[in-house]
Amino acid sequence: MRNKAAKSAVRTSVKKFITLVQKKDPESEVALKDMIKKIDTASRKGIIKKNAAARKKSRMQRFYNNSAKAAQ
């Protein structure tokens, strides 16, 4: 059950981050850091694999950078 809760927390933080970025909310940077923290925690506990965590973080960071570049 703990694994399910951690995976759910990761998914929830990803969804929150994506909606904030799409709204061009300045809080999206804080949401990005929170999401990365949750992904790292899940990876450290072995709930998601190390490479999967790195892939998720990379994709979300790239999404954030591209949206910030498009806003300029």
N, C-alpha and C. Protein backbone atom coordinates (compact mmCIF):
# COMPACT_ATOMS: atom_id res chain seq x y z
N MET A 1 0.82 -1.19 0.00
CA MET A 1 0.00 0.00 0.00
C MET A 1 0.86 1.26 0.00
N ARG A 2 2.00 1.20 0.63
CA ARG A 2 2.85 2.39 0.66
C ARG A 2 3.36 2.72 -0.73
N ASN A 3 3.66 1.68 -1.51
CA ASN A 3 4.13 1.92 -2.87
C ASN A 3 3.06 2.62 -3.68
N LYS A 4 1.81 2.19 -3.50
CA LYS A 4 0.71 2.79 -4.25
C LYS A 4 0.56 4.27 -3.89
N ALA A 5 0.70 4.60 -2.63
CA ALA A 5 0.58 5.98 -2.19
C ALA A 5 1.69 6.84 -2.78
N ALA A 6 2.90 6.32 -2.81
CA ALA A 6 4.03 7.08 -3.35
C ALA A 6 3.88 7.29 -4.85
N LYS A 7 3.43 6.26 -5.57
CA LYS A 7 3.23 6.40 -7.01
C LYS A 7 2.12 7.41 -7.29
N SER A 8 1.07 7.37 -6.48
CA SER A 8 -0.03 8.30 -6.65
C SER A 8 0.43 9.73 -6.40
N ALA A 9 1.27 9.93 -5.40
CA ALA A 9 1.80 11.26 -5.09
C ALA A 9 2.63 11.79 -6.26
N VAL A 10 3.40 10.92 -6.89
CA VAL A 10 4.20 11.33 -8.04
C VAL A 10 3.28 11.75 -9.18
N ARG A 11 2.28 10.93 -9.48
CA ARG A 11 1.36 11.24 -10.58
C ARG A 11 0.60 12.55 -10.32
N THR A 12 0.17 12.74 -9.08
CA THR A 12 -0.55 13.96 -8.72
C THR A 12 0.33 15.19 -8.89
N SER A 13 1.57 15.09 -8.45
CA SER A 13 2.47 16.25 -8.57
C SER A 13 2.79 16.55 -10.04
N VAL A 14 2.86 15.52 -10.87
CA VAL A 14 3.10 15.73 -12.31
C VAL A 14 1.91 16.46 -12.92
N LYS A 15 0.71 16.02 -12.60
CA LYS A 15 -0.49 16.66 -13.15
C LYS A 15 -0.58 18.12 -12.70
N LYS A 16 -0.29 18.37 -11.43
CA LYS A 16 -0.33 19.73 -10.90
C LYS A 16 0.69 20.61 -11.63
N PHE A 17 1.88 20.08 -11.83
CA PHE A 17 2.94 20.82 -12.51
C PHE A 17 2.53 21.16 -13.94
N ILE A 18 1.98 20.20 -14.66
CA ILE A 18 1.61 20.41 -16.06
C ILE A 18 0.52 21.48 -16.16
N THR A 19 -0.47 21.43 -15.28
CA THR A 19 -1.54 22.44 -15.35
C THR A 19 -1.01 23.84 -15.03
N LEU A 20 -0.09 23.94 -14.08
CA LEU A 20 0.48 25.25 -13.75
C LEU A 20 1.31 25.81 -14.90
N VAL A 21 2.05 24.94 -15.58
CA VAL A 21 2.87 25.39 -16.71
C VAL A 21 1.97 25.85 -17.85
N GLN A 22 0.91 25.11 -18.11
CA GLN A 22 0.01 25.48 -19.19
C GLN A 22 -0.71 26.80 -18.91
N LYS A 23 -0.94 27.11 -17.63
CA LYS A 23 -1.56 28.38 -17.26
C LYS A 23 -0.54 29.51 -17.18
N LYS A 24 0.74 29.16 -17.36
CA LYS A 24 1.85 30.12 -17.25
C LYS A 24 1.89 30.76 -15.87
N ASP A 25 1.64 29.94 -14.87
CA ASP A 25 1.63 30.37 -13.47
C ASP A 25 3.07 30.44 -12.95
N PRO A 26 3.45 31.50 -12.24
CA PRO A 26 4.81 31.58 -11.70
C PRO A 26 5.09 30.52 -10.63
N GLU A 27 4.07 29.90 -10.09
CA GLU A 27 4.25 28.84 -9.11
C GLU A 27 4.73 27.53 -9.73
N SER A 28 4.82 27.49 -11.06
CA SER A 28 5.20 26.25 -11.74
C SER A 28 6.63 25.83 -11.39
N GLU A 29 7.49 26.79 -11.10
CA GLU A 29 8.87 26.44 -10.73
C GLU A 29 8.89 25.72 -9.39
N VAL A 30 8.06 26.18 -8.45
CA VAL A 30 7.96 25.53 -7.15
C VAL A 30 7.38 24.13 -7.31
N ALA A 31 6.38 24.01 -8.19
CA ALA A 31 5.77 22.70 -8.45
C ALA A 31 6.77 21.75 -9.09
N LEU A 32 7.65 22.28 -9.94
CA LEU A 32 8.69 21.46 -10.56
C LEU A 32 9.63 20.89 -9.51
N LYS A 33 10.06 21.73 -8.59
CA LYS A 33 10.97 21.27 -7.53
C LYS A 33 10.29 20.24 -6.64
N ASP A 34 9.02 20.45 -6.33
CA ASP A 34 8.26 19.51 -5.51
C ASP A 34 8.12 18.16 -6.22
N MET A 35 7.83 18.22 -7.52
CA MET A 35 7.68 17.00 -8.30
C MET A 35 8.99 16.23 -8.36
N ILE A 36 10.09 16.92 -8.57
CA ILE A 36 11.39 16.25 -8.64
C ILE A 36 11.72 15.60 -7.30
N LYS A 37 11.38 16.29 -6.21
CA LYS A 37 11.61 15.73 -4.88
C LYS A 37 10.82 14.44 -4.68
N LYS A 38 9.56 14.42 -5.12
CA LYS A 38 8.74 13.22 -4.96
C LYS A 38 9.24 12.08 -5.84
N ILE A 39 9.69 12.40 -7.05
CA ILE A 39 10.24 11.38 -7.94
C ILE A 39 11.51 10.79 -7.34
N ASP A 40 12.38 11.65 -6.83
CA ASP A 40 13.62 11.18 -6.22
C ASP A 40 13.36 10.30 -5.00
N THR A 41 12.39 10.69 -4.20
CA THR A 41 12.05 9.90 -3.01
C THR A 41 11.56 8.52 -3.42
N ALA A 42 10.67 8.47 -4.41
CA ALA A 42 10.14 7.18 -4.88
C ALA A 42 11.26 6.33 -5.47
N SER A 43 12.19 6.95 -6.14
CA SER A 43 13.31 6.21 -6.72
C SER A 43 14.23 5.67 -5.64
N ARG A 44 14.50 6.48 -4.64
CA ARG A 44 15.37 6.08 -3.55
C ARG A 44 14.80 4.89 -2.79
N LYS A 45 13.48 4.86 -2.66
CA LYS A 45 12.82 3.77 -1.94
C LYS A 45 12.63 2.53 -2.81
N GLY A 46 12.97 2.63 -4.09
CA GLY A 46 12.86 1.48 -4.98
C GLY A 46 11.46 1.29 -5.55
N ILE A 47 10.62 2.30 -5.42
CA ILE A 47 9.25 2.19 -5.92
C ILE A 47 9.22 2.34 -7.43
N ILE A 48 10.02 3.27 -7.95
CA ILE A 48 10.23 3.35 -9.38
C ILE A 48 11.73 3.21 -9.63
N LYS A 49 12.06 2.70 -10.81
CA LYS A 49 13.47 2.46 -11.10
C LYS A 49 14.22 3.76 -11.34
N LYS A 50 15.53 3.68 -11.14
CA LYS A 50 16.39 4.86 -11.24
C LYS A 50 16.30 5.51 -12.62
N ASN A 51 16.35 4.71 -13.67
CA ASN A 51 16.31 5.27 -15.02
C ASN A 51 14.94 5.84 -15.35
N ALA A 52 13.88 5.23 -14.84
CA ALA A 52 12.53 5.75 -15.06
C ALA A 52 12.39 7.11 -14.39
N ALA A 53 12.95 7.25 -13.20
CA ALA A 53 12.90 8.53 -12.48
C ALA A 53 13.67 9.59 -13.27
N ALA A 54 14.83 9.24 -13.76
CA ALA A 54 15.64 10.19 -14.53
C ALA A 54 14.91 10.60 -15.80
N ARG A 55 14.25 9.64 -16.45
CA ARG A 55 13.51 9.93 -17.67
C ARG A 55 12.34 10.89 -17.40
N LYS A 56 11.59 10.64 -16.32
CA LYS A 56 10.47 11.51 -15.97
C LYS A 56 10.94 12.92 -15.66
N LYS A 57 12.01 13.03 -14.88
CA LYS A 57 12.53 14.35 -14.53
C LYS A 57 13.02 15.10 -15.76
N SER A 58 13.69 14.39 -16.65
CA SER A 58 14.22 15.00 -17.86
C SER A 58 13.09 15.52 -18.75
N ARG A 59 12.05 14.72 -18.91
CA ARG A 59 10.94 15.12 -19.76
C ARG A 59 10.21 16.34 -19.19
N MET A 60 10.02 16.34 -17.89
CA MET A 60 9.31 17.46 -17.27
C MET A 60 10.15 18.74 -17.29
N GLN A 61 11.46 18.61 -17.10
CA GLN A 61 12.34 19.77 -17.17
C GLN A 61 12.36 20.34 -18.57
N ARG A 62 12.40 19.45 -19.57
CA ARG A 62 12.39 19.90 -20.97
C ARG A 62 11.07 20.59 -21.30
N PHE A 63 9.96 20.04 -20.80
CA PHE A 63 8.64 20.65 -20.99
C PHE A 63 8.60 22.05 -20.39
N TYR A 64 9.15 22.19 -19.19
CA TYR A 64 9.19 23.49 -18.51
C TYR A 64 10.04 24.49 -19.29
N ASN A 65 11.21 24.05 -19.73
CA ASN A 65 12.11 24.94 -20.48
C ASN A 65 11.50 25.39 -21.80
N ASN A 66 10.86 24.46 -22.52
CA ASN A 66 10.25 24.81 -23.79
C ASN A 66 9.08 25.77 -23.62
N SER A 67 8.30 25.58 -22.57
CA SER A 67 7.17 26.47 -22.34
C SER A 67 7.65 27.86 -21.92
N ALA A 68 8.73 27.92 -21.17
CA ALA A 68 9.29 29.20 -20.76
C ALA A 68 9.87 29.93 -21.97
N LYS A 69 10.48 29.17 -22.88
CA LYS A 69 11.05 29.76 -24.08
C LYS A 69 9.94 30.29 -24.99
N ALA A 70 8.83 29.57 -25.06
CA ALA A 70 7.71 29.97 -25.90
C ALA A 70 7.01 31.22 -25.35
N ALA A 71 7.08 31.40 -24.04
CA ALA A 71 6.42 32.55 -23.41
C ALA A 71 7.17 33.85 -23.70
N GLN A 72 8.43 33.77 -24.06
CA GLN A 72 9.22 34.98 -24.30
C GLN A 72 8.96 35.58 -25.63
